[in-house]
């Protein structure tokens, strides 16, 4: 069971790193994209 737990932990960490890297890449490449989607005006208009 230790191997399964280790793999799961590693997988979660890897996915988290990929998501973080993707957000950083988008933020650096398209700052206007982040401003449009994460501005204070659009906080209450998030899709469900």
C-alpha atoms as a PDB file:
ATOM      1  CA  UNK A   1       0.000   0.000   0.000  1.00  0.00           C
ATOM      2  CA  UNK A   2       2.965   2.305   0.572  1.00  0.00           C
ATOM      3  CA  UNK A   3       3.768   2.316  -3.152  1.00  0.00           C
ATOM      4  CA  UNK A   4       0.186   3.267  -4.050  1.00  0.00           C
ATOM      5  CA  UNK A   5       0.147   6.079  -1.486  1.00  0.00           C
ATOM      6  CA  UNK A   6       3.504   7.343  -2.744  1.00  0.00           C
ATOM      7  CA  UNK A   7       2.349   7.297  -6.355  1.00  0.00           C
ATOM      8  CA  UNK A   8      -0.889   9.080  -5.497  1.00  0.00           C
ATOM      9  CA  UNK A   9       0.978  11.777  -3.579  1.00  0.00           C
ATOM     10  CA  UNK A  10       3.434  12.209  -6.438  1.00  0.00           C
ATOM     11  CA  UNK A  11       0.600  12.372  -8.970  1.00  0.00           C
ATOM     12  CA  UNK A  12      -1.236  15.057  -6.998  1.00  0.00           C
ATOM     13  CA  UNK A  13       1.992  17.045  -6.630  1.00  0.00           C
ATOM     14  CA  UNK A  14       2.734  16.720 -10.351  1.00  0.00           C
ATOM     15  CA  UNK A  15      -0.767  17.884 -11.336  1.00  0.00           C
ATOM     16  CA  UNK A  16      -0.509  20.811  -8.938  1.00  0.00           C
ATOM     17  CA  UNK A  17       2.838  21.787 -10.441  1.00  0.00           C
ATOM     18  CA  UNK A  18       1.445  21.571 -13.985  1.00  0.00           C
ATOM     19  CA  UNK A  19      -1.564  23.730 -13.110  1.00  0.00           C
ATOM     20  CA  UNK A  20       0.674  26.293 -11.417  1.00  0.00           C
ATOM     21  CA  UNK A  21       3.054  26.344 -14.384  1.00  0.00           C
ATOM     22  CA  UNK A  22       0.133  26.744 -16.790  1.00  0.00           C
ATOM     23  CA  UNK A  23      -1.318  29.662 -14.828  1.00  0.00           C
ATOM     24  CA  UNK A  24       2.102  31.333 -14.648  1.00  0.00           C
ATOM     25  CA  UNK A  25       2.637  30.812 -18.386  1.00  0.00           C
ATOM     26  CA  UNK A  26      -0.767  32.288 -19.243  1.00  0.00           C
ATOM     27  CA  UNK A  27      -0.178  35.169 -16.833  1.00  0.00           C
ATOM     28  CA  UNK A  28       3.168  36.015 -18.425  1.00  0.00           C
ATOM     29  CA  UNK A  29       1.989  35.537 -22.007  1.00  0.00           C
ATOM     30  CA  UNK A  30      -1.464  37.114 -21.756  1.00  0.00           C
ATOM     31  CA  UNK A  31      -1.828  39.426 -18.747  1.00  0.00           C
ATOM     32  CA  UNK A  32      -4.962  40.910 -20.324  1.00  0.00           C
ATOM     33  CA  UNK A  33      -6.545  37.436 -20.335  1.00  0.00           C
ATOM     34  CA  UNK A  34      -6.105  37.172 -16.580  1.00  0.00           C
ATOM     35  CA  UNK A  35      -7.403  40.694 -16.076  1.00  0.00           C
ATOM     36  CA  UNK A  36     -10.577  39.887 -18.025  1.00  0.00           C
ATOM     37  CA  UNK A  37     -11.281  36.575 -16.285  1.00  0.00           C
ATOM     38  CA  UNK A  38     -10.106  37.334 -12.753  1.00  0.00           C
ATOM     39  CA  UNK A  39     -11.066  40.975 -12.353  1.00  0.00           C
ATOM     40  CA  UNK A  40     -13.275  42.035  -9.439  1.00  0.00           C
ATOM     41  CA  UNK A  41     -16.154  42.755 -11.825  1.00  0.00           C
ATOM     42  CA  UNK A  42     -16.387  39.148 -13.037  1.00  0.00           C
ATOM     43  CA  UNK A  43     -16.130  37.422  -9.662  1.00  0.00           C
ATOM     44  CA  UNK A  44     -19.914  37.148  -9.323  1.00  0.00           C
ATOM     45  CA  UNK A  45     -20.389  35.970 -12.916  1.00  0.00           C
ATOM     46  CA  UNK A  46     -18.468  32.697 -12.653  1.00  0.00           C
ATOM     47  CA  UNK A  47     -20.058  29.798 -14.587  1.00  0.00           C
ATOM     48  CA  UNK A  48     -21.628  27.059 -12.494  1.00  0.00           C
END
